[in-house]
Amino acid sequence: MQKSKITGAASVLLLALCAFAAGQMPAGVQSRKSDTGSTVLADAKGMTLYTFDKDTDGKSACNGNCAKNWPPLTAETGATSMGDWTVVTRDDGSKQWAYKGKALYTWVKDSKPGETTGDGVGKVWHNAVP
């Protein structure tokens, strides 16, 4: 009987930890299967998120025309870091989400959820993966 209670308690704790970990993403961000079958991070509309090799930890190097083609994943006012997710202040003062220190962007040429046409562009853009 005692072993059963311990096993049950451990199972409940494990489920709670999994739920907590799943909740450690900004609102609307999700993990999903891409059109190639790989798991990628995506925005609330299911559009694939990308990272840019020219960014440095906590700093976006994609501004101006770059940001028109690669729109930043905007962080809402008052957003705060959580786990692997941090908030980056862009050159224009706006806020952007970053995952594991890499700022996140969508790609204007992706036309439907799950597309990954930006992966490998210029050899500096990559799918953001969980």
N, C-alpha and C. Protein backbone atom coordinates (compact mmCIF):
# COMPACT_ATOMS: atom_id res chain seq x y z
N MET A 1 0.82 -1.20 0.00
CA MET A 1 0.00 0.00 0.00
C MET A 1 0.87 1.27 0.00
N GLN A 2 1.90 1.30 0.85
CA GLN A 2 2.78 2.46 0.94
C GLN A 2 3.51 2.69 -0.38
N LYS A 3 4.00 1.59 -1.01
CA LYS A 3 4.70 1.71 -2.29
C LYS A 3 3.79 2.29 -3.36
N SER A 4 2.53 1.91 -3.34
CA SER A 4 1.55 2.41 -4.30
C SER A 4 1.34 3.92 -4.14
N LYS A 5 1.28 4.39 -2.89
CA LYS A 5 1.11 5.82 -2.63
C LYS A 5 2.31 6.61 -3.12
N ILE A 6 3.50 6.07 -2.90
CA ILE A 6 4.73 6.75 -3.33
C ILE A 6 4.79 6.81 -4.85
N THR A 7 4.47 5.69 -5.49
CA THR A 7 4.46 5.66 -6.97
C THR A 7 3.44 6.65 -7.51
N GLY A 8 2.26 6.69 -6.91
CA GLY A 8 1.22 7.62 -7.34
C GLY A 8 1.66 9.07 -7.15
N ALA A 9 2.27 9.36 -6.02
CA ALA A 9 2.75 10.72 -5.74
C ALA A 9 3.84 11.12 -6.73
N ALA A 10 4.74 10.18 -7.04
CA ALA A 10 5.81 10.46 -8.00
C ALA A 10 5.22 10.73 -9.39
N SER A 11 4.20 10.00 -9.76
CA SER A 11 3.56 10.21 -11.06
C SER A 11 2.91 11.58 -11.14
N VAL A 12 2.24 11.98 -10.07
CA VAL A 12 1.59 13.30 -10.04
C VAL A 12 2.65 14.39 -10.13
N LEU A 13 3.75 14.23 -9.41
CA LEU A 13 4.84 15.21 -9.44
C LEU A 13 5.43 15.30 -10.84
N LEU A 14 5.66 14.17 -11.49
CA LEU A 14 6.20 14.15 -12.85
C LEU A 14 5.27 14.86 -13.82
N LEU A 15 3.98 14.61 -13.73
CA LEU A 15 3.01 15.28 -14.60
C LEU A 15 3.00 16.78 -14.35
N ALA A 16 3.10 17.18 -13.09
CA ALA A 16 3.12 18.61 -12.76
C ALA A 16 4.36 19.28 -13.34
N LEU A 17 5.51 18.60 -13.25
CA LEU A 17 6.74 19.17 -13.81
C LEU A 17 6.65 19.29 -15.32
N CYS A 18 6.05 18.31 -15.98
CA CYS A 18 5.89 18.37 -17.44
C CYS A 18 4.97 19.53 -17.82
N ALA A 19 3.90 19.71 -17.08
CA ALA A 19 2.98 20.81 -17.36
C ALA A 19 3.67 22.14 -17.14
N PHE A 20 4.49 22.24 -16.10
CA PHE A 20 5.23 23.47 -15.84
C PHE A 20 6.20 23.75 -16.98
N ALA A 21 6.93 22.74 -17.43
CA ALA A 21 7.89 22.91 -18.52
C ALA A 21 7.18 23.32 -19.80
N ALA A 22 6.03 22.73 -20.08
CA ALA A 22 5.28 23.07 -21.29
C ALA A 22 4.80 24.51 -21.22
N GLY A 23 4.53 25.00 -20.02
CA GLY A 23 4.06 26.36 -19.85
C GLY A 23 5.17 27.38 -19.91
N GLN A 24 6.39 26.96 -20.07
CA GLN A 24 7.53 27.86 -20.08
C GLN A 24 7.81 28.42 -21.46
N MET A 25 6.76 28.74 -22.21
CA MET A 25 6.90 29.39 -23.51
C MET A 25 6.06 30.65 -23.47
N PRO A 26 6.47 31.66 -24.20
CA PRO A 26 5.63 32.86 -24.29
C PRO A 26 4.26 32.50 -24.87
N ALA A 27 3.27 33.28 -24.50
CA ALA A 27 1.91 33.04 -25.00
C ALA A 27 1.90 32.96 -26.52
N GLY A 28 1.28 31.92 -27.04
CA GLY A 28 1.14 31.76 -28.47
C GLY A 28 2.25 30.99 -29.15
N VAL A 29 3.43 30.91 -28.52
CA VAL A 29 4.53 30.16 -29.14
C VAL A 29 4.26 28.68 -28.93
N GLN A 30 4.61 27.89 -29.93
CA GLN A 30 4.32 26.46 -29.88
C GLN A 30 5.44 25.66 -30.55
N SER A 31 5.50 24.38 -30.21
CA SER A 31 6.32 23.42 -30.94
C SER A 31 5.36 22.74 -31.90
N ARG A 32 5.80 22.55 -33.14
CA ARG A 32 4.94 21.89 -34.12
C ARG A 32 5.78 21.19 -35.17
N LYS A 33 5.13 20.30 -35.90
CA LYS A 33 5.80 19.61 -37.00
C LYS A 33 5.84 20.55 -38.20
N SER A 34 6.99 20.60 -38.85
CA SER A 34 7.14 21.43 -40.05
C SER A 34 6.70 20.61 -41.26
N ASP A 35 6.74 21.24 -42.42
CA ASP A 35 6.38 20.55 -43.66
C ASP A 35 7.37 19.45 -44.01
N THR A 36 8.54 19.48 -43.38
CA THR A 36 9.54 18.44 -43.62
C THR A 36 9.47 17.33 -42.56
N GLY A 37 8.59 17.50 -41.57
CA GLY A 37 8.43 16.50 -40.52
C GLY A 37 9.25 16.74 -39.28
N SER A 38 10.13 17.75 -39.31
CA SER A 38 10.93 18.05 -38.12
C SER A 38 10.11 18.91 -37.16
N THR A 39 10.50 18.93 -35.90
CA THR A 39 9.83 19.76 -34.91
C THR A 39 10.52 21.11 -34.87
N VAL A 40 9.73 22.18 -34.98
CA VAL A 40 10.25 23.55 -34.96
C VAL A 40 9.43 24.38 -33.98
N LEU A 41 9.96 25.53 -33.62
CA LEU A 41 9.19 26.50 -32.86
C LEU A 41 8.38 27.33 -33.85
N ALA A 42 7.18 27.71 -33.45
CA ALA A 42 6.30 28.48 -34.34
C ALA A 42 5.57 29.54 -33.53
N ASP A 43 5.11 30.58 -34.24
CA ASP A 43 4.34 31.63 -33.57
C ASP A 43 2.89 31.19 -33.39
N ALA A 44 2.05 32.08 -32.90
CA ALA A 44 0.65 31.76 -32.62
C ALA A 44 -0.13 31.34 -33.87
N LYS A 45 0.32 31.76 -35.04
CA LYS A 45 -0.35 31.41 -36.29
C LYS A 45 0.22 30.12 -36.89
N GLY A 46 1.20 29.52 -36.21
CA GLY A 46 1.81 28.29 -36.71
C GLY A 46 2.95 28.53 -37.68
N MET A 47 3.35 29.78 -37.84
CA MET A 47 4.44 30.11 -38.76
C MET A 47 5.78 29.81 -38.09
N THR A 48 6.65 29.16 -38.84
CA THR A 48 7.95 28.75 -38.34
C THR A 48 8.76 29.95 -37.85
N LEU A 49 9.47 29.75 -36.76
CA LEU A 49 10.39 30.75 -36.23
C LEU A 49 11.82 30.40 -36.62
N TYR A 50 12.62 31.44 -36.81
CA TYR A 50 13.99 31.28 -37.29
C TYR A 50 14.97 32.03 -36.40
N THR A 51 16.23 31.60 -36.45
CA THR A 51 17.33 32.31 -35.80
C THR A 51 18.29 32.81 -36.87
N PHE A 52 19.08 33.81 -36.52
CA PHE A 52 19.99 34.50 -37.45
C PHE A 52 21.40 34.41 -36.89
N ASP A 53 22.32 33.81 -37.65
CA ASP A 53 23.70 33.62 -37.18
C ASP A 53 24.42 34.91 -36.82
N LYS A 54 24.01 36.04 -37.41
CA LYS A 54 24.72 37.30 -37.15
C LYS A 54 24.29 37.95 -35.84
N ASP A 55 23.24 37.42 -35.21
CA ASP A 55 22.85 37.92 -33.89
C ASP A 55 23.86 37.46 -32.85
N THR A 56 23.99 38.23 -31.79
CA THR A 56 24.79 37.82 -30.64
C THR A 56 23.84 37.65 -29.48
N ASP A 57 24.27 36.97 -28.43
CA ASP A 57 23.40 36.75 -27.27
C ASP A 57 22.79 38.06 -26.80
N GLY A 58 21.48 38.09 -26.80
CA GLY A 58 20.76 39.26 -26.30
C GLY A 58 20.74 40.46 -27.23
N LYS A 59 21.16 40.32 -28.48
CA LYS A 59 21.21 41.46 -29.40
C LYS A 59 20.82 41.01 -30.80
N SER A 60 19.83 41.71 -31.38
CA SER A 60 19.42 41.43 -32.75
C SER A 60 20.23 42.26 -33.73
N ALA A 61 20.74 41.62 -34.77
CA ALA A 61 21.47 42.32 -35.83
C ALA A 61 20.58 42.52 -37.06
N CYS A 62 19.31 42.12 -36.97
CA CYS A 62 18.39 42.22 -38.10
C CYS A 62 17.46 43.41 -37.88
N ASN A 63 17.77 44.52 -38.56
CA ASN A 63 17.01 45.75 -38.42
C ASN A 63 16.70 46.30 -39.81
N GLY A 64 15.89 47.34 -39.90
CA GLY A 64 15.59 47.98 -41.18
C GLY A 64 14.97 47.02 -42.17
N ASN A 65 15.54 46.97 -43.40
CA ASN A 65 15.00 46.09 -44.44
C ASN A 65 15.06 44.62 -44.03
N CYS A 66 16.08 44.24 -43.29
CA CYS A 66 16.17 42.87 -42.81
C CYS A 66 14.92 42.50 -42.00
N ALA A 67 14.52 43.38 -41.09
CA ALA A 67 13.36 43.12 -40.25
C ALA A 67 12.05 43.15 -41.03
N LYS A 68 12.03 43.77 -42.21
CA LYS A 68 10.84 43.73 -43.06
C LYS A 68 10.67 42.33 -43.65
N ASN A 69 11.78 41.69 -44.00
CA ASN A 69 11.75 40.33 -44.56
C ASN A 69 11.70 39.26 -43.47
N TRP A 70 12.26 39.58 -42.34
CA TRP A 70 12.34 38.66 -41.20
C TRP A 70 11.72 39.35 -39.98
N PRO A 71 10.39 39.45 -39.93
CA PRO A 71 9.75 40.14 -38.80
C PRO A 71 10.09 39.50 -37.46
N PRO A 72 10.50 40.32 -36.50
CA PRO A 72 10.83 39.80 -35.18
C PRO A 72 9.60 39.24 -34.47
N LEU A 73 9.81 38.24 -33.62
CA LEU A 73 8.74 37.73 -32.77
C LEU A 73 8.60 38.71 -31.62
N THR A 74 7.62 39.57 -31.72
CA THR A 74 7.43 40.67 -30.78
C THR A 74 7.05 40.17 -29.39
N ALA A 75 7.67 40.74 -28.39
CA ALA A 75 7.31 40.47 -26.99
C ALA A 75 6.38 41.59 -26.53
N GLU A 76 5.31 41.21 -25.88
CA GLU A 76 4.35 42.19 -25.40
C GLU A 76 4.94 43.06 -24.28
N THR A 77 4.37 44.22 -24.10
CA THR A 77 4.81 45.13 -23.05
C THR A 77 4.74 44.41 -21.70
N GLY A 78 5.78 44.50 -20.94
CA GLY A 78 5.81 43.88 -19.62
C GLY A 78 6.26 42.43 -19.64
N ALA A 79 6.57 41.88 -20.81
CA ALA A 79 7.03 40.50 -20.88
C ALA A 79 8.34 40.35 -20.12
N THR A 80 8.49 39.23 -19.44
CA THR A 80 9.71 38.97 -18.68
C THR A 80 10.28 37.61 -19.06
N SER A 81 11.56 37.46 -18.83
CA SER A 81 12.24 36.20 -19.14
C SER A 81 11.64 35.05 -18.34
N MET A 82 11.69 33.86 -18.95
CA MET A 82 11.21 32.64 -18.28
C MET A 82 11.99 31.45 -18.82
N GLY A 83 12.78 30.84 -17.97
CA GLY A 83 13.56 29.69 -18.40
C GLY A 83 14.51 30.05 -19.53
N ASP A 84 14.40 29.31 -20.65
CA ASP A 84 15.26 29.55 -21.82
C ASP A 84 14.81 30.74 -22.65
N TRP A 85 13.70 31.35 -22.29
CA TRP A 85 13.12 32.46 -23.06
C TRP A 85 13.51 33.79 -22.42
N THR A 86 14.06 34.70 -23.23
CA THR A 86 14.44 36.02 -22.75
C THR A 86 13.86 37.08 -23.68
N VAL A 87 13.85 38.30 -23.19
CA VAL A 87 13.36 39.43 -23.97
C VAL A 87 14.54 40.28 -24.39
N VAL A 88 14.62 40.54 -25.69
CA VAL A 88 15.69 41.33 -26.29
C VAL A 88 15.15 42.72 -26.60
N THR A 89 15.92 43.76 -26.30
CA THR A 89 15.54 45.11 -26.70
C THR A 89 16.21 45.41 -28.04
N ARG A 90 15.38 45.71 -29.04
CA ARG A 90 15.87 45.98 -30.39
C ARG A 90 16.40 47.41 -30.51
N ASP A 91 17.11 47.69 -31.59
CA ASP A 91 17.68 49.03 -31.80
C ASP A 91 16.62 50.13 -31.77
N ASP A 92 15.39 49.81 -32.20
CA ASP A 92 14.32 50.82 -32.21
C ASP A 92 13.59 50.91 -30.87
N GLY A 93 14.03 50.14 -29.89
CA GLY A 93 13.43 50.16 -28.56
C GLY A 93 12.32 49.14 -28.36
N SER A 94 11.86 48.50 -29.43
CA SER A 94 10.81 47.48 -29.29
C SER A 94 11.41 46.22 -28.66
N LYS A 95 10.55 45.32 -28.23
CA LYS A 95 10.98 44.10 -27.55
C LYS A 95 10.72 42.89 -28.45
N GLN A 96 11.59 41.90 -28.31
CA GLN A 96 11.54 40.70 -29.13
C GLN A 96 11.88 39.50 -28.26
N TRP A 97 11.24 38.37 -28.53
CA TRP A 97 11.55 37.14 -27.81
C TRP A 97 12.82 36.50 -28.37
N ALA A 98 13.58 35.89 -27.48
CA ALA A 98 14.75 35.10 -27.85
C ALA A 98 14.65 33.76 -27.13
N TYR A 99 15.13 32.72 -27.77
CA TYR A 99 15.15 31.38 -27.19
C TYR A 99 16.61 30.92 -27.10
N LYS A 100 17.02 30.58 -25.89
CA LYS A 100 18.41 30.19 -25.62
C LYS A 100 19.39 31.23 -26.17
N GLY A 101 19.06 32.51 -25.98
CA GLY A 101 19.94 33.61 -26.36
C GLY A 101 19.85 34.04 -27.81
N LYS A 102 19.05 33.34 -28.63
CA LYS A 102 18.94 33.68 -30.06
C LYS A 102 17.59 34.33 -30.32
N ALA A 103 17.63 35.56 -30.84
CA ALA A 103 16.40 36.27 -31.18
C ALA A 103 15.63 35.47 -32.23
N LEU A 104 14.30 35.59 -32.21
CA LEU A 104 13.44 34.81 -33.10
C LEU A 104 12.69 35.68 -34.10
N TYR A 105 12.52 35.13 -35.30
CA TYR A 105 11.91 35.85 -36.42
C TYR A 105 11.01 34.90 -37.21
N THR A 106 10.06 35.47 -37.95
CA THR A 106 9.34 34.73 -38.98
C THR A 106 9.95 35.13 -40.32
N TRP A 107 9.48 34.53 -41.41
CA TRP A 107 10.01 34.79 -42.75
C TRP A 107 8.84 35.13 -43.65
N VAL A 108 8.89 36.28 -44.33
CA VAL A 108 7.76 36.73 -45.14
C VAL A 108 7.43 35.79 -46.30
N LYS A 109 8.36 34.96 -46.71
CA LYS A 109 8.10 34.06 -47.84
C LYS A 109 7.45 32.74 -47.43
N ASP A 110 7.33 32.49 -46.12
CA ASP A 110 6.53 31.35 -45.67
C ASP A 110 5.08 31.78 -45.82
N SER A 111 4.30 31.03 -46.58
CA SER A 111 2.92 31.44 -46.85
C SER A 111 1.88 30.68 -46.06
N LYS A 112 2.27 29.57 -45.43
CA LYS A 112 1.30 28.81 -44.64
C LYS A 112 2.01 28.18 -43.44
N PRO A 113 1.24 27.88 -42.39
CA PRO A 113 1.82 27.27 -41.20
C PRO A 113 2.61 26.01 -41.53
N GLY A 114 3.75 25.87 -40.88
CA GLY A 114 4.58 24.68 -41.06
C GLY A 114 5.62 24.79 -42.16
N GLU A 115 5.50 25.79 -43.03
CA GLU A 115 6.52 25.94 -44.07
C GLU A 115 7.85 26.36 -43.44
N THR A 116 8.93 25.94 -44.08
CA THR A 116 10.27 26.25 -43.57
C THR A 116 11.16 26.76 -44.71
N THR A 117 10.60 27.60 -45.57
CA THR A 117 11.37 28.06 -46.74
C THR A 117 12.53 28.98 -46.36
N GLY A 118 12.54 29.48 -45.13
CA GLY A 118 13.63 30.35 -44.70
C GLY A 118 14.84 29.61 -44.19
N ASP A 119 14.70 28.31 -43.93
CA ASP A 119 15.81 27.54 -43.39
C ASP A 119 16.95 27.48 -44.40
N GLY A 120 18.12 27.99 -44.01
CA GLY A 120 19.29 27.96 -44.87
C GLY A 120 19.47 29.18 -45.75
N VAL A 121 18.53 30.13 -45.73
CA VAL A 121 18.67 31.33 -46.56
C VAL A 121 19.98 32.03 -46.21
N GLY A 122 20.79 32.31 -47.24
CA GLY A 122 22.07 32.98 -47.05
C GLY A 122 23.03 32.23 -46.15
N LYS A 123 22.72 31.00 -45.86
CA LYS A 123 23.51 30.15 -44.96
C LYS A 123 23.59 30.73 -43.55
N VAL A 124 22.71 31.70 -43.21
CA VAL A 124 22.74 32.32 -41.88
C VAL A 124 21.39 32.25 -41.15
N TRP A 125 20.35 31.76 -41.82
CA TRP A 125 19.03 31.66 -41.20
C TRP A 125 18.71 30.18 -40.99
N HIS A 126 18.16 29.87 -39.80
CA HIS A 126 17.91 28.47 -39.45
C HIS A 126 16.59 28.33 -38.70
N ASN A 127 15.95 27.17 -38.90
CA ASN A 127 14.75 26.88 -38.12
C ASN A 127 15.11 26.94 -36.64
N ALA A 128 14.22 27.53 -35.86
CA ALA A 128 14.39 27.52 -34.41
C ALA A 128 13.80 26.19 -33.92
N VAL A 129 14.59 25.43 -33.19
CA VAL A 129 14.14 24.13 -32.71
C VAL A 129 14.12 24.09 -31.19
N PRO A 130 13.12 23.40 -30.66
CA PRO A 130 13.03 23.31 -29.18
C PRO A 130 14.11 22.42 -28.60
